């Protein structure tokens, strides 16, 4: 790790002292002639020309200190299994090492929602995704413009057993809420987000892949328009 630029910082401080002394001397020698307007302009000039290099040097010092602190004290991630990748411009993929539970998992024998179990699952998924987002942010891998205003969210479940299961029996809303809570999307309302679910068989690496696509509503509309145009006589 590079050494902090303390020589530059000290040199800048010395320059500030010289400029302040000169300013005080000019005011003292022309006390009767110096107006408030001249003092204001002189002070503004002092800020523009003197403080700019000081801010630059100070920024360098604090940047070095922040990097060193991050190296000594890495981020504490509650659920470190999540991973975020930018597949291409406008497409983010988040991988989570598990699947969401079935809806009946969170209901008792009478069909009532077991709020504690649901809350625990929600917090676990938020932990996976937010942890992945935090790591990507620290490594400067997050794209600009987040959260995206209108998104398409595609969920791929990779299951370890090749048996029949219904996508609508999974708690997809937990995933959609997580995408919003992690500040990847603005909202999951009907006019801000559309989603789809697909399943795959992978006994070696069961997981969930969440694709967040910027301007996804426009992509869906264009796809539907192309289908409509194809069937029209």
Protein backbone atom coordinates (compact mmCIF):
# COMPACT_ATOMS: atom_id res chain seq x y z
CA UNK A 1 0.00 0.00 0.00
CA UNK A 2 1.34 3.45 -0.91
CA UNK A 3 2.59 5.71 1.84
CA UNK A 4 0.38 8.69 2.70
CA UNK A 5 1.38 11.96 0.98
CA UNK A 6 2.26 13.76 4.22
CA UNK A 7 5.06 15.83 2.57
CA UNK A 8 2.52 17.26 0.14
CA UNK A 9 0.11 17.87 3.00
CA UNK A 10 2.74 19.70 5.08
CA UNK A 11 3.88 21.71 2.08
CA UNK A 12 0.30 22.83 1.50
CA UNK A 13 -0.08 23.85 5.14
CA UNK A 14 3.06 25.98 4.86
CA UNK A 15 1.66 27.64 1.75
CA UNK A 16 -1.55 28.43 3.64
CA UNK A 17 0.42 30.08 6.44
CA UNK A 18 2.31 32.26 3.95
CA UNK A 19 -0.89 33.34 2.21
CA UNK A 20 -2.60 34.16 5.51
CA UNK A 21 0.39 36.22 6.66
CA UNK A 22 0.41 38.19 3.41
CA UNK A 23 -3.30 38.84 3.66
CA UNK A 24 -2.97 40.07 7.26
CA UNK A 25 -0.06 42.32 6.26
CA UNK A 26 -1.99 43.91 3.37
CA UNK A 27 -4.98 44.60 5.60
CA UNK A 28 -2.79 46.06 8.37
CA UNK A 29 -0.91 48.37 5.99
CA UNK A 30 -4.07 49.63 4.29
CA UNK A 31 -6.50 49.53 7.17
CA UNK A 32 -7.97 52.95 6.37
CA UNK A 33 -8.38 52.25 2.66
CA UNK A 34 -9.56 48.66 2.69
CA UNK A 35 -13.32 48.40 2.28
CA UNK A 36 -15.51 45.48 3.22
CA UNK A 37 -15.90 44.66 -0.47
CA UNK A 38 -12.13 44.45 -0.97
CA UNK A 39 -11.76 42.25 2.09
CA UNK A 40 -14.52 39.97 0.81
CA UNK A 41 -12.92 39.68 -2.63
CA UNK A 42 -9.49 39.10 -1.11
CA UNK A 43 -10.87 36.38 1.13
CA UNK A 44 -12.72 34.75 -1.79
CA UNK A 45 -9.51 34.76 -3.80
CA UNK A 46 -7.75 33.21 -0.82
CA UNK A 47 -10.30 30.41 -0.67
CA UNK A 48 -10.18 29.76 -4.41
CA UNK A 49 -6.39 29.64 -4.73
CA UNK A 50 -5.23 28.52 -1.30
CA UNK A 51 -7.75 25.97 -0.08
CA UNK A 52 -8.11 24.03 -3.33
CA UNK A 53 -4.67 22.36 -3.10
CA UNK A 54 -5.20 21.82 0.62
CA UNK A 55 -8.44 19.97 -0.07
CA UNK A 56 -6.71 17.86 -2.68
CA UNK A 57 -3.89 16.91 -0.32
CA UNK A 58 -6.27 16.30 2.56
CA UNK A 59 -8.41 14.11 0.34
CA UNK A 60 -5.36 12.04 -0.58
CA UNK A 61 -4.45 11.56 3.07
CA UNK A 62 -7.94 10.52 4.10
CA UNK A 63 -8.27 8.21 1.09
CA UNK A 64 -5.12 6.45 2.17
CA UNK A 65 -6.40 6.19 5.74
CA UNK A 66 -9.76 4.80 4.60
CA UNK A 67 -8.13 2.14 2.43
CA UNK A 68 -5.88 1.11 5.31
CA UNK A 69 -8.82 0.85 7.70
CA UNK A 70 -10.75 -1.25 5.17
CA UNK A 71 -7.70 -3.51 4.81
CA UNK A 72 -7.39 -3.95 8.58
CA UNK A 73 -11.13 -4.14 9.29
CA UNK A 74 -12.95 -5.86 6.40
CA UNK A 75 -16.71 -5.63 6.05
CA UNK A 76 -18.70 -7.87 8.36
CA UNK A 77 -21.28 -9.61 6.20
CA UNK A 78 -23.95 -11.61 8.04
CA UNK A 79 -24.62 -13.86 5.02
CA UNK A 80 -21.43 -13.91 2.90
CA UNK A 81 -22.69 -16.47 0.37
CA UNK A 82 -24.24 -13.92 -2.00
CA UNK A 83 -22.40 -12.71 -5.08
CA UNK A 84 -23.10 -9.81 -7.45
CA UNK A 85 -21.87 -9.57 -11.04
CA UNK A 86 -22.46 -7.01 -13.77
CA UNK A 87 -23.13 -9.24 -16.79
CA UNK A 88 -23.36 -6.36 -19.25
CA UNK A 89 -24.50 -2.76 -19.30
CA UNK A 90 -27.87 -2.62 -17.58
CA UNK A 91 -27.86 -6.24 -16.34
CA UNK A 92 -26.94 -7.37 -12.82
CA UNK A 93 -26.84 -11.00 -11.67
CA UNK A 94 -27.00 -11.90 -7.99
CA UNK A 95 -26.32 -15.48 -6.94
CA UNK A 96 -27.66 -16.82 -3.64
CA UNK A 97 -26.71 -20.33 -2.41
CA UNK A 98 -30.27 -21.45 -1.64
CA UNK A 99 -33.90 -21.22 -2.77
CA UNK A 100 -36.86 -19.49 -1.23
CA UNK A 101 -39.18 -21.75 0.74
CA UNK A 102 -42.61 -22.90 -0.29
CA UNK A 103 -45.55 -20.79 0.81
CA UNK A 104 -46.93 -23.51 3.09
CA UNK A 105 -43.67 -23.42 5.06
CA UNK A 106 -44.78 -20.12 6.58
CA UNK A 107 -48.35 -21.20 7.40
CA UNK A 108 -49.74 -23.21 10.29
CA UNK A 109 -52.31 -25.99 10.03
CA UNK A 110 -55.11 -23.42 9.73
CA UNK A 111 -53.39 -21.52 6.93
CA UNK A 112 -52.39 -18.56 9.09
CA UNK A 113 -49.06 -16.89 8.34
CA UNK A 114 -46.27 -17.63 10.80
CA UNK A 115 -44.79 -14.15 10.91
CA UNK A 116 -41.61 -15.10 12.79
CA UNK A 117 -40.62 -17.74 10.24
CA UNK A 118 -41.41 -15.43 7.34
CA UNK A 119 -39.46 -12.59 8.92
CA UNK A 120 -36.44 -14.84 9.47
CA UNK A 121 -36.46 -15.93 5.82
CA UNK A 122 -36.87 -12.34 4.64
CA UNK A 123 -33.94 -11.16 6.78
CA UNK A 124 -31.77 -14.03 5.51
CA UNK A 125 -32.40 -13.17 1.86
CA UNK A 126 -31.91 -9.46 2.48
CA UNK A 127 -28.64 -10.36 4.19
CA UNK A 128 -27.43 -12.34 1.17
CA UNK A 129 -28.27 -9.66 -1.39
CA UNK A 130 -27.31 -6.58 0.63
CA UNK A 131 -24.05 -8.29 1.57
CA UNK A 132 -23.28 -8.88 -2.11
CA UNK A 133 -24.21 -5.27 -2.94
CA UNK A 134 -21.99 -3.89 -0.16
CA UNK A 135 -19.00 -5.90 -1.32
CA UNK A 136 -19.55 -4.83 -4.94
CA UNK A 137 -19.86 -1.21 -3.81
CA UNK A 138 -16.60 -1.34 -1.85
CA UNK A 139 -14.88 -2.88 -4.88
CA UNK A 140 -16.47 -0.23 -7.13
CA UNK A 141 -18.26 -2.80 -9.29
CA UNK A 142 -21.75 -1.33 -8.98
CA UNK A 143 -23.10 0.39 -12.10
CA UNK A 144 -24.13 4.04 -12.03
CA UNK A 145 -27.71 5.23 -11.76
CA UNK A 146 -28.93 2.84 -9.05
CA UNK A 147 -31.63 2.31 -7.99
CA UNK A 148 -33.12 1.68 -11.42
CA UNK A 149 -36.61 3.08 -11.96
CA UNK A 150 -38.20 0.36 -14.11
CA UNK A 151 -36.83 -3.15 -14.00
CA UNK A 152 -37.34 -6.68 -15.21
CA UNK A 153 -36.39 -9.26 -12.57
CA UNK A 154 -35.72 -12.80 -13.82
CA UNK A 155 -35.36 -15.50 -11.15
CA UNK A 156 -33.63 -18.78 -12.01
CA UNK A 157 -33.99 -21.60 -9.47
CA UNK A 158 -31.40 -24.37 -9.83
CA UNK A 159 -32.82 -27.36 -7.95
CA UNK A 160 -30.92 -30.48 -6.80
CA UNK A 161 -33.72 -32.95 -7.57
CA UNK A 162 -35.44 -33.46 -10.91
CA UNK A 163 -39.02 -33.42 -9.60
CA UNK A 164 -42.07 -31.38 -10.47
CA UNK A 165 -42.58 -28.13 -8.57
CA UNK A 166 -44.69 -25.04 -9.18
CA UNK A 167 -42.87 -21.68 -9.39
CA UNK A 168 -45.90 -19.87 -7.98
CA UNK A 169 -45.62 -21.95 -4.78
CA UNK A 170 -42.33 -20.26 -3.96
CA UNK A 171 -42.20 -17.02 -1.99
CA UNK A 172 -41.06 -14.91 -4.93
CA UNK A 173 -42.17 -11.72 -3.18
CA UNK A 174 -39.27 -12.11 -0.73
CA UNK A 175 -36.84 -11.89 -3.64
CA UNK A 176 -38.59 -8.88 -5.16
CA UNK A 177 -38.65 -7.10 -1.79
CA UNK A 178 -34.95 -7.86 -1.40
CA UNK A 179 -34.11 -6.27 -4.77
CA UNK A 180 -35.84 -3.09 -3.61
CA UNK A 181 -34.37 -3.15 -0.08
CA UNK A 182 -30.85 -3.43 -1.50
CA UNK A 183 -31.45 -0.27 -3.58
CA UNK A 184 -31.11 -2.00 -6.94
CA UNK A 185 -34.66 -1.08 -7.96
CA UNK A 186 -36.88 1.82 -6.93
CA UNK A 187 -40.04 -0.19 -6.27
CA UNK A 188 -41.73 -3.51 -7.00
CA UNK A 189 -45.14 -2.05 -7.81
CA UNK A 190 -46.92 -3.05 -11.02
CA UNK A 191 -45.75 0.06 -12.91
CA UNK A 192 -42.11 -0.21 -11.80
CA UNK A 193 -41.24 -3.91 -12.02
CA UNK A 194 -42.14 -7.05 -13.91
CA UNK A 195 -40.78 -10.49 -13.06
CA UNK A 196 -40.55 -14.02 -14.38
CA UNK A 197 -39.44 -17.34 -12.87
CA UNK A 198 -37.73 -20.32 -14.47
CA UNK A 199 -36.40 -23.59 -13.05
CA UNK A 200 -33.32 -25.66 -13.90
CA UNK A 201 -31.88 -28.95 -12.68
CA UNK A 202 -28.40 -28.82 -11.13
CA UNK A 203 -27.63 -31.47 -8.47
CA UNK A 204 -24.03 -30.29 -8.11
CA UNK A 205 -24.68 -26.61 -7.41
CA UNK A 206 -28.24 -25.77 -6.29
CA UNK A 207 -28.72 -22.01 -6.10
CA UNK A 208 -30.82 -19.03 -7.09
CA UNK A 209 -29.76 -16.52 -9.71
CA UNK A 210 -31.52 -13.16 -9.74
CA UNK A 211 -31.18 -11.03 -12.86
CA UNK A 212 -32.06 -7.35 -12.48
CA UNK A 213 -32.44 -5.68 -15.87
CA UNK A 214 -32.58 -1.92 -16.28
CA UNK A 215 -35.50 -0.57 -18.34
CA UNK A 216 -36.96 -4.05 -18.21
CA UNK A 217 -40.51 -2.86 -18.78
CA UNK A 218 -39.48 -1.42 -22.13
CA UNK A 219 -37.82 -4.73 -23.01
CA UNK A 220 -41.02 -6.61 -22.20
CA UNK A 221 -43.18 -4.18 -24.16
CA UNK A 222 -40.89 -4.42 -27.19
CA UNK A 223 -41.03 -8.22 -27.00
CA UNK A 224 -44.84 -8.22 -26.88
CA UNK A 225 -45.00 -5.77 -29.77
CA UNK A 226 -42.77 -8.04 -31.84
CA UNK A 227 -45.03 -11.02 -31.10
CA UNK A 228 -48.13 -9.04 -32.01
CA UNK A 229 -46.56 -7.87 -35.24
CA UNK A 230 -45.57 -11.45 -36.09
CA UNK A 231 -49.13 -12.82 -35.83
CA UNK A 232 -50.87 -9.96 -37.60
CA UNK A 233 -51.89 -10.79 -41.22
